[in-house]
């Protein structure tokens, strides 16, 4: 499968562009594009002639792929605006929408739509982004018991960064984070950005099992594991809150665009909250 690109100019305010992800999906990126690369200036319809010669996303140089995934608050806001507009005014034939940091994956029915048609429709939506009003973000406080068995990597993170465990806790809980998107497993929210002083690489060897409720950091991200699952983020603590419940109207505790604040609690408070079913 080959992949091609298209430049959206300034339709969305920041070099938004299209990328074919599969026979039945299209990515809309909101990121910085190398303006000297004129190969991306053609619409998808014109480019599909050369798809066989294009390289798949996985085979592109890491540096190029990193440029495609630059994280900015502004880019994510455009992702959320496009997502909201498509939810308010659904496109016939579009099956699913999957937001990420700076992109929206649009999956469609190939019996009803082709890539070029989806691009043309989305161009119209992108031209209207400025009129989209996003709902006021919710503020969600997440209690966390840091360290000990709940945060097995806390001391090591402190040692790596030249801090005490208390300083790591204070810094991690001092910031108001944004929910950029949900993914990996149901209810897992990617939160950012960490204070620069806490940016830490993920573990070299992932754990086979990370307990549900574990609060971890990786790179400039932080998040909470909703289920027991393998994972390579460094664990600082654990929350008694259920991040995902099938018996709730809103299955996931967090939604894209929410604001999150971590609140340190004692182990005793954790046990009491867990006993209450929180």
Protein backbone atom coordinates (compact mmCIF):
# COMPACT_ATOMS: atom_id res chain seq x y z
CA UNK A 1 0.00 0.00 0.00
CA UNK A 2 1.39 3.40 -0.94
CA UNK A 3 0.78 6.72 0.77
CA UNK A 4 0.52 10.23 -0.60
CA UNK A 5 0.16 13.73 0.77
CA UNK A 6 -1.80 16.86 -0.03
CA UNK A 7 -1.29 20.39 1.23
CA UNK A 8 -4.31 22.26 2.57
CA UNK A 9 -2.63 25.68 2.37
CA UNK A 10 -4.05 27.96 5.03
CA UNK A 11 -7.61 26.64 5.04
CA UNK A 12 -7.32 25.69 8.71
CA UNK A 13 -4.85 28.37 9.75
CA UNK A 14 -1.90 25.99 10.21
CA UNK A 15 -0.55 23.83 7.28
CA UNK A 16 -3.30 21.25 7.45
CA UNK A 17 -2.85 18.41 4.98
CA UNK A 18 -4.20 15.02 3.98
CA UNK A 19 -2.50 11.63 4.03
CA UNK A 20 -3.97 8.39 2.74
CA UNK A 21 -3.74 5.87 5.57
CA UNK A 22 -5.42 2.88 3.91
CA UNK A 23 -7.91 2.02 1.17
CA UNK A 24 -10.71 3.10 3.49
CA UNK A 25 -9.21 5.83 5.65
CA UNK A 26 -7.75 9.30 5.38
CA UNK A 27 -5.69 11.31 7.85
CA UNK A 28 -6.01 15.06 8.29
CA UNK A 29 -2.84 16.49 9.85
CA UNK A 30 -2.48 19.87 11.53
CA UNK A 31 1.28 20.31 11.70
CA UNK A 32 4.19 22.16 10.17
CA UNK A 33 5.11 21.03 6.67
CA UNK A 34 8.43 21.58 4.92
CA UNK A 35 7.45 24.36 2.48
CA UNK A 36 10.33 23.45 0.14
CA UNK A 37 8.74 20.05 -0.56
CA UNK A 38 6.45 20.78 -3.50
CA UNK A 39 5.42 17.12 -3.87
CA UNK A 40 2.74 17.75 -1.27
CA UNK A 41 1.08 20.58 -3.14
CA UNK A 42 -1.00 18.37 -5.42
CA UNK A 43 -4.53 17.22 -4.49
CA UNK A 44 -5.05 13.54 -3.76
CA UNK A 45 -6.83 12.91 -7.05
CA UNK A 46 -3.69 13.93 -8.99
CA UNK A 47 -1.33 12.06 -6.72
CA UNK A 48 -3.03 8.68 -6.78
CA UNK A 49 -1.39 8.07 -10.17
CA UNK A 50 1.90 7.66 -8.35
CA UNK A 51 0.75 5.81 -5.27
CA UNK A 52 2.66 2.65 -6.18
CA UNK A 53 5.92 4.58 -5.97
CA UNK A 54 5.12 6.28 -2.66
CA UNK A 55 6.58 4.91 0.56
CA UNK A 56 4.32 3.58 3.31
CA UNK A 57 4.20 5.59 6.51
CA UNK A 58 6.13 2.92 8.41
CA UNK A 59 9.06 3.11 5.99
CA UNK A 60 9.45 6.88 6.11
CA UNK A 61 12.47 8.25 7.99
CA UNK A 62 11.87 8.68 11.72
CA UNK A 63 12.72 12.38 11.46
CA UNK A 64 10.04 12.88 8.83
CA UNK A 65 7.49 11.00 10.88
CA UNK A 66 8.37 13.06 13.96
CA UNK A 67 7.68 16.27 12.04
CA UNK A 68 4.25 14.90 11.17
CA UNK A 69 3.45 14.39 14.85
CA UNK A 70 4.55 17.64 16.48
CA UNK A 71 2.32 18.36 19.46
CA UNK A 72 0.89 21.83 19.90
CA UNK A 73 -2.17 23.05 21.78
CA UNK A 74 -3.22 24.98 18.66
CA UNK A 75 -3.03 21.91 16.43
CA UNK A 76 -5.01 19.82 18.89
CA UNK A 77 -7.68 22.52 19.12
CA UNK A 78 -8.13 22.29 15.35
CA UNK A 79 -8.42 18.51 15.63
CA UNK A 80 -11.16 18.95 18.23
CA UNK A 81 -12.97 21.57 16.17
CA UNK A 82 -12.98 19.37 13.07
CA UNK A 83 -14.12 16.40 15.17
CA UNK A 84 -16.97 18.42 16.70
CA UNK A 85 -18.11 19.74 13.33
CA UNK A 86 -18.14 16.23 11.85
CA UNK A 87 -20.09 14.94 14.86
CA UNK A 88 -22.64 17.77 14.58
CA UNK A 89 -22.93 17.41 10.80
CA UNK A 90 -22.12 13.78 9.95
CA UNK A 91 -20.97 12.85 6.45
CA UNK A 92 -22.87 10.00 4.82
CA UNK A 93 -20.46 7.14 4.32
CA UNK A 94 -18.03 8.15 7.07
CA UNK A 95 -17.95 5.32 9.61
CA UNK A 96 -15.54 6.36 12.36
CA UNK A 97 -13.47 9.32 13.54
CA UNK A 98 -10.27 8.82 15.54
CA UNK A 99 -8.60 11.98 16.94
CA UNK A 100 -4.95 12.10 18.01
CA UNK A 101 -2.51 14.85 19.10
CA UNK A 102 -2.39 16.67 15.76
CA UNK A 103 -4.45 14.54 13.40
CA UNK A 104 -7.88 13.09 12.76
CA UNK A 105 -8.25 9.67 11.14
CA UNK A 106 -11.41 9.48 9.03
CA UNK A 107 -12.62 5.96 8.16
CA UNK A 108 -15.19 5.64 5.40
CA UNK A 109 -17.21 3.15 3.38
CA UNK A 110 -15.30 2.52 0.13
CA UNK A 111 -18.54 1.52 -1.59
CA UNK A 112 -19.85 5.05 -1.05
CA UNK A 113 -16.77 7.30 -1.02
CA UNK A 114 -13.27 7.58 -2.46
CA UNK A 115 -10.29 9.43 -1.00
CA UNK A 116 -10.65 12.38 -3.35
CA UNK A 117 -14.32 12.77 -2.49
CA UNK A 118 -13.60 12.67 1.24
CA UNK A 119 -10.86 15.26 0.76
CA UNK A 120 -13.23 17.59 -1.10
CA UNK A 121 -15.88 17.29 1.63
CA UNK A 122 -13.36 17.85 4.41
CA UNK A 123 -11.95 20.93 2.69
CA UNK A 124 -15.37 22.51 3.14
CA UNK A 125 -15.44 21.60 6.82
CA UNK A 126 -11.91 22.91 7.36
CA UNK A 127 -12.84 26.26 5.84
CA UNK A 128 -15.43 26.65 8.62
CA UNK A 129 -13.27 25.77 11.63
CA UNK A 130 -13.09 29.33 12.89
CA UNK A 131 -16.85 29.37 13.45
CA UNK A 132 -16.81 26.22 15.61
CA UNK A 133 -17.29 26.84 19.33
CA UNK A 134 -15.85 24.15 21.56
CA UNK A 135 -17.63 23.41 24.85
CA UNK A 136 -16.05 24.73 28.03
CA UNK A 137 -13.55 22.14 29.26
CA UNK A 138 -14.39 20.22 32.42
CA UNK A 139 -11.93 20.30 35.30
CA UNK A 140 -11.40 16.80 36.69
CA UNK A 141 -9.40 16.19 39.87
CA UNK A 142 -7.75 12.78 40.13
CA UNK A 143 -6.53 11.74 43.60
CA UNK A 144 -3.20 9.91 43.55
CA UNK A 145 -1.29 8.02 46.21
CA UNK A 146 2.33 8.47 45.15
CA UNK A 147 5.29 6.16 45.74
CA UNK A 148 5.65 2.85 47.50
CA UNK A 149 4.09 -0.13 45.77
CA UNK A 150 1.78 2.26 43.91
CA UNK A 151 4.65 4.22 42.38
CA UNK A 152 7.60 1.87 41.97
CA UNK A 153 9.47 4.25 39.64
CA UNK A 154 9.12 7.41 41.72
CA UNK A 155 12.53 7.20 43.39
CA UNK A 156 14.30 6.32 40.14
CA UNK A 157 12.65 9.22 38.31
CA UNK A 158 13.83 11.52 41.08
CA UNK A 159 17.36 10.17 40.82
CA UNK A 160 17.38 10.59 37.02
CA UNK A 161 16.21 14.19 37.31
CA UNK A 162 18.22 15.18 40.37
CA UNK A 163 15.15 15.61 42.57
CA UNK A 164 13.77 14.13 45.74
CA UNK A 165 10.63 12.01 45.53
CA UNK A 166 8.73 14.85 47.22
CA UNK A 167 9.87 17.30 44.55
CA UNK A 168 8.73 14.96 41.77
CA UNK A 169 5.31 14.64 43.41
CA UNK A 170 5.02 18.38 43.90
CA UNK A 171 5.96 19.10 40.29
CA UNK A 172 3.71 16.42 38.80
CA UNK A 173 0.69 17.56 40.83
CA UNK A 174 1.30 21.29 40.27
CA UNK A 175 0.23 21.34 36.63
CA UNK A 176 -3.18 21.45 34.99
CA UNK A 177 -3.06 18.95 32.12
CA UNK A 178 -5.11 18.77 28.93
CA UNK A 179 -6.68 15.60 27.57
CA UNK A 180 -5.36 15.53 24.02
CA UNK A 181 -7.05 12.29 22.99
CA UNK A 182 -8.00 8.80 24.17
CA UNK A 183 -6.46 5.63 22.85
CA UNK A 184 -4.26 2.56 23.51
CA UNK A 185 -7.08 0.94 25.54
CA UNK A 186 -10.59 2.26 26.33
CA UNK A 187 -10.41 5.11 28.83
CA UNK A 188 -6.67 5.78 28.50
CA UNK A 189 -6.28 9.55 28.15
CA UNK A 190 -3.08 11.07 26.83
CA UNK A 191 -2.39 14.11 29.02
CA UNK A 192 0.08 16.88 28.47
CA UNK A 193 2.27 18.46 28.78
CA UNK A 194 4.54 17.52 31.66
CA UNK A 195 6.64 20.28 33.22
CA UNK A 196 9.95 20.36 31.37
CA UNK A 197 11.77 19.25 34.51
CA UNK A 198 9.81 15.97 34.57
CA UNK A 199 10.35 14.89 30.96
CA UNK A 200 11.66 11.32 31.23
CA UNK A 201 12.09 8.52 28.68
CA UNK A 202 9.87 5.49 29.00
CA UNK A 203 11.26 2.27 30.43
CA UNK A 204 13.74 0.39 28.25
CA UNK A 205 11.79 -2.82 28.93
CA UNK A 206 8.01 -2.51 29.36
CA UNK A 207 6.32 -4.24 32.28
CA UNK A 208 4.25 -7.27 31.44
CA UNK A 209 1.47 -6.00 33.71
CA UNK A 210 0.74 -2.49 34.97
CA UNK A 211 -2.02 -2.38 37.64
CA UNK A 212 -5.24 -0.52 36.84
CA UNK A 213 -5.22 3.05 38.12
CA UNK A 214 -1.45 3.43 37.81
CA UNK A 215 -0.32 6.98 37.02
CA UNK A 216 2.68 7.08 34.70
CA UNK A 217 4.88 9.43 32.71
CA UNK A 218 6.70 8.99 29.41
CA UNK A 219 8.41 11.73 27.43
CA UNK A 220 6.36 14.86 27.98
CA UNK A 221 3.13 12.92 28.57
CA UNK A 222 1.34 11.60 31.62
CA UNK A 223 -1.66 9.31 31.93
CA UNK A 224 -3.61 6.77 33.98
CA UNK A 225 -3.88 3.09 33.04
CA UNK A 226 -7.61 2.22 33.19
CA UNK A 227 -7.00 -1.52 33.11
CA UNK A 228 -4.24 -3.94 34.06
CA UNK A 229 -2.18 -4.09 30.87
CA UNK A 230 1.43 -4.22 29.66
CA UNK A 231 3.07 -0.81 29.59
CA UNK A 232 6.38 1.03 29.49
CA UNK A 233 5.56 4.30 31.23
CA UNK A 234 7.32 5.11 34.51
CA UNK A 235 4.88 4.70 37.38
CA UNK A 236 4.66 7.45 40.00
CA UNK A 237 1.49 6.48 41.87
CA UNK A 238 -2.03 5.11 41.66
CA UNK A 239 -5.55 6.49 41.79
CA UNK A 240 -8.59 4.76 43.34
CA UNK A 241 -10.84 6.24 40.64
CA UNK A 242 -12.21 3.98 37.91
CA UNK A 243 -11.10 5.55 34.64
CA UNK A 244 -13.49 3.40 32.60
CA UNK A 245 -16.74 1.74 33.66
CA UNK A 246 -19.21 -0.08 31.45
CA UNK A 247 -22.09 0.79 33.81
CA UNK A 248 -21.57 4.57 33.51
CA UNK A 249 -23.44 6.79 31.05
CA UNK A 250 -20.06 8.26 30.11
CA UNK A 251 -17.94 5.12 29.92
CA UNK A 252 -14.65 7.00 30.22
CA UNK A 253 -14.04 9.32 33.17
CA UNK A 254 -12.14 11.69 30.87
CA UNK A 255 -13.06 13.14 27.50
CA UNK A 256 -10.99 14.90 24.84
CA UNK A 257 -10.49 18.55 25.80
CA UNK A 258 -10.94 18.02 29.56
CA UNK A 259 -8.50 19.57 32.02
CA UNK A 260 -6.96 17.34 34.69
CA UNK A 261 -5.31 18.04 38.04
CA UNK A 262 -3.64 15.33 40.10
CA UNK A 263 -4.20 15.65 43.86
CA UNK A 264 -1.81 13.81 46.23
CA UNK A 265 -3.52 11.64 48.86
CA UNK A 266 -2.23 9.29 51.55
CA UNK A 267 -2.32 5.51 51.30
CA UNK A 268 -5.04 5.52 53.98
CA UNK A 269 -7.16 7.88 51.88
CA UNK A 270 -6.58 5.66 48.86
CA UNK A 271 -7.79 2.56 50.74
CA UNK A 272 -10.86 4.41 52.05
CA UNK A 273 -11.77 5.73 48.61
CA UNK A 274 -11.30 2.32 47.02
CA UNK A 275 -13.57 0.78 49.67
CA UNK A 276 -16.29 3.33 48.81
CA UNK A 277 -16.10 2.19 45.20
CA UNK A 278 -14.69 5.43 43.90
